[in-house]
């Protein structure tokens, strides 16, 4: 993955970093008998190197000093260990159970409503059939403070 990323980056420094990463992989394979397919970059960094001083001669016998800084690039590679449960990158993510928010007090937004059937009979019309209807009656819930004290 880092080889593919570095190969197509437009920066001038990527060429040198790519050389160092390839060299580190080749050294690990040759010197420590590691498989290149299992290697990954565990650490990478750049430190300041020596500064080369050059001189540019100017008019009237003067000299300007030109500094050419260098750097040390280091790459540490490690070999991946066999993982039995599968790849870290290609596992399915399981949906987590939704957590209750911090403002939850154990109460619902609406008070509970109880539905009871009510039978109405029309006495005026003897020939008319009886009509059954359901009515909604609101039931008051006990106060939360009284329930908490019990």
Protein backbone atom coordinates (compact mmCIF):
# COMPACT_ATOMS: atom_id res chain seq x y z
CA UNK A 1 0.00 0.00 0.00
CA UNK A 2 2.71 2.60 0.79
CA UNK A 3 4.51 1.71 -2.43
CA UNK A 4 1.39 2.43 -4.48
CA UNK A 5 0.74 5.68 -2.63
CA UNK A 6 4.31 6.96 -2.98
CA UNK A 7 4.56 5.96 -6.62
CA UNK A 8 1.72 8.21 -7.74
CA UNK A 9 2.19 11.20 -5.42
CA UNK A 10 3.22 14.39 -7.26
CA UNK A 11 5.88 15.46 -4.74
CA UNK A 12 9.60 15.43 -5.49
CA UNK A 13 10.53 13.88 -2.12
CA UNK A 14 8.34 10.80 -2.74
CA UNK A 15 10.97 9.34 -5.06
CA UNK A 16 13.60 9.25 -2.31
CA UNK A 17 11.17 7.90 0.29
CA UNK A 18 10.06 5.20 -2.15
CA UNK A 19 13.68 4.11 -2.61
CA UNK A 20 14.16 3.82 1.16
CA UNK A 21 10.94 1.83 1.65
CA UNK A 22 11.89 -0.60 -1.14
CA UNK A 23 15.40 -0.93 0.31
CA UNK A 24 14.03 -1.66 3.80
CA UNK A 25 11.74 -4.37 2.40
CA UNK A 26 14.62 -5.94 0.44
CA UNK A 27 16.90 -5.86 3.50
CA UNK A 28 14.25 -7.52 5.68
CA UNK A 29 13.66 -10.23 3.09
CA UNK A 30 17.36 -10.91 2.52
CA UNK A 31 18.86 -10.47 5.99
CA UNK A 32 16.01 -11.67 8.24
CA UNK A 33 14.19 -14.14 5.94
CA UNK A 34 10.89 -12.27 6.14
CA UNK A 35 8.24 -12.55 3.43
CA UNK A 36 7.74 -9.35 1.47
CA UNK A 37 4.00 -9.96 1.21
CA UNK A 38 3.64 -9.88 5.01
CA UNK A 39 5.72 -6.74 5.63
CA UNK A 40 4.24 -3.45 6.74
CA UNK A 41 5.77 -0.08 7.62
CA UNK A 42 5.79 0.14 11.40
CA UNK A 43 7.72 3.39 11.71
CA UNK A 44 9.01 6.00 9.33
CA UNK A 45 10.77 9.29 9.98
CA UNK A 46 13.17 11.93 8.80
CA UNK A 47 15.99 13.45 10.80
CA UNK A 48 18.27 16.36 10.06
CA UNK A 49 21.52 15.43 8.35
CA UNK A 50 24.77 17.34 7.81
CA UNK A 51 24.69 20.69 6.04
CA UNK A 52 26.95 21.16 3.02
CA UNK A 53 28.33 24.68 2.62
CA UNK A 54 29.11 26.03 -0.83
CA UNK A 55 30.33 29.46 -1.80
CA UNK A 56 29.09 31.76 -4.50
CA UNK A 57 31.55 34.45 -5.47
CA UNK A 58 30.12 37.94 -5.87
CA UNK A 59 31.24 41.36 -7.04
CA UNK A 60 33.98 43.36 -5.32
CA UNK A 61 35.61 40.29 -3.82
CA UNK A 62 32.65 39.26 -1.67
CA UNK A 63 31.40 35.73 -1.12
CA UNK A 64 27.91 34.47 -0.29
CA UNK A 65 27.58 31.23 1.58
CA UNK A 66 25.05 28.72 0.22
CA UNK A 67 23.69 26.11 2.61
CA UNK A 68 22.62 22.74 1.20
CA UNK A 69 20.86 20.82 3.98
CA UNK A 70 20.57 17.04 3.85
CA UNK A 71 18.39 14.60 5.76
CA UNK A 72 18.38 11.02 7.01
CA UNK A 73 15.29 8.97 6.16
CA UNK A 74 14.66 5.87 8.24
CA UNK A 75 12.03 3.17 7.78
CA UNK A 76 11.29 0.27 10.12
CA UNK A 77 9.31 -2.64 8.73
CA UNK A 78 7.75 -5.54 10.62
CA UNK A 79 6.19 -8.78 9.53
CA UNK A 80 2.47 -9.28 10.09
CA UNK A 81 1.57 -12.15 12.33
CA UNK A 82 -1.05 -14.67 11.27
CA UNK A 83 -4.50 -13.58 12.41
CA UNK A 84 -7.05 -16.35 12.69
CA UNK A 85 -10.23 -14.29 12.90
CA UNK A 86 -9.75 -12.68 9.49
CA UNK A 87 -8.43 -9.51 7.99
CA UNK A 88 -8.59 -6.26 9.86
CA UNK A 89 -9.50 -4.39 6.69
CA UNK A 90 -12.13 -6.71 5.25
CA UNK A 91 -14.30 -7.55 8.24
CA UNK A 92 -17.98 -6.72 8.35
CA UNK A 93 -18.89 -4.08 10.81
CA UNK A 94 -21.63 -5.05 13.18
CA UNK A 95 -24.29 -2.57 14.10
CA UNK A 96 -24.02 -1.42 17.67
CA UNK A 97 -27.05 -1.35 19.91
CA UNK A 98 -28.38 2.16 20.26
CA UNK A 99 -27.57 3.69 23.60
CA UNK A 100 -29.99 5.69 25.67
CA UNK A 101 -29.22 9.40 25.64
CA UNK A 102 -27.90 11.33 28.64
CA UNK A 103 -31.27 13.08 29.22
CA UNK A 104 -33.28 9.86 29.62
CA UNK A 105 -35.22 9.87 32.89
CA UNK A 106 -37.27 6.74 32.37
CA UNK A 107 -40.36 8.62 31.16
CA UNK A 108 -41.98 8.61 27.77
CA UNK A 109 -42.97 11.79 25.99
CA UNK A 110 -46.70 11.01 26.20
CA UNK A 111 -48.50 9.69 29.25
CA UNK A 112 -49.81 6.14 28.86
CA UNK A 113 -53.35 5.96 27.50
CA UNK A 114 -55.71 3.09 28.31
CA UNK A 115 -58.38 2.07 25.79
CA UNK A 116 -61.58 0.55 27.23
CA UNK A 117 -64.62 -0.58 25.24
CA UNK A 118 -67.89 1.21 26.06
CA UNK A 119 -71.28 -0.22 25.14
CA UNK A 120 -73.99 2.27 24.21
CA UNK A 121 -77.63 1.24 23.89
CA UNK A 122 -80.21 3.34 22.21
CA UNK A 123 -83.51 2.90 24.08
CA UNK A 124 -85.53 5.31 21.93
CA UNK A 125 -85.42 3.18 18.81
CA UNK A 126 -86.44 -0.33 19.68
CA UNK A 127 -85.91 -1.60 16.16
CA UNK A 128 -82.42 -0.14 15.84
CA UNK A 129 -79.49 -2.46 16.48
CA UNK A 130 -77.15 -1.84 19.41
CA UNK A 131 -73.95 0.00 18.66
CA UNK A 132 -70.63 -0.81 20.27
CA UNK A 133 -67.94 1.83 20.24
CA UNK A 134 -64.63 2.29 21.93
CA UNK A 135 -63.85 5.40 23.89
CA UNK A 136 -60.50 6.67 24.98
CA UNK A 137 -60.07 7.49 28.63
CA UNK A 138 -56.93 9.10 29.92
CA UNK A 139 -55.45 7.58 33.02
CA UNK A 140 -53.28 9.68 35.24
CA UNK A 141 -49.88 8.17 35.90
CA UNK A 142 -48.58 8.32 39.48
CA UNK A 143 -46.03 11.08 40.06
CA UNK A 144 -42.42 10.05 39.39
CA UNK A 145 -41.29 11.27 42.83
CA UNK A 146 -43.75 9.06 44.71
CA UNK A 147 -42.70 6.02 42.70
CA UNK A 148 -39.03 6.72 43.37
CA UNK A 149 -39.61 6.94 47.16
CA UNK A 150 -41.16 3.44 47.31
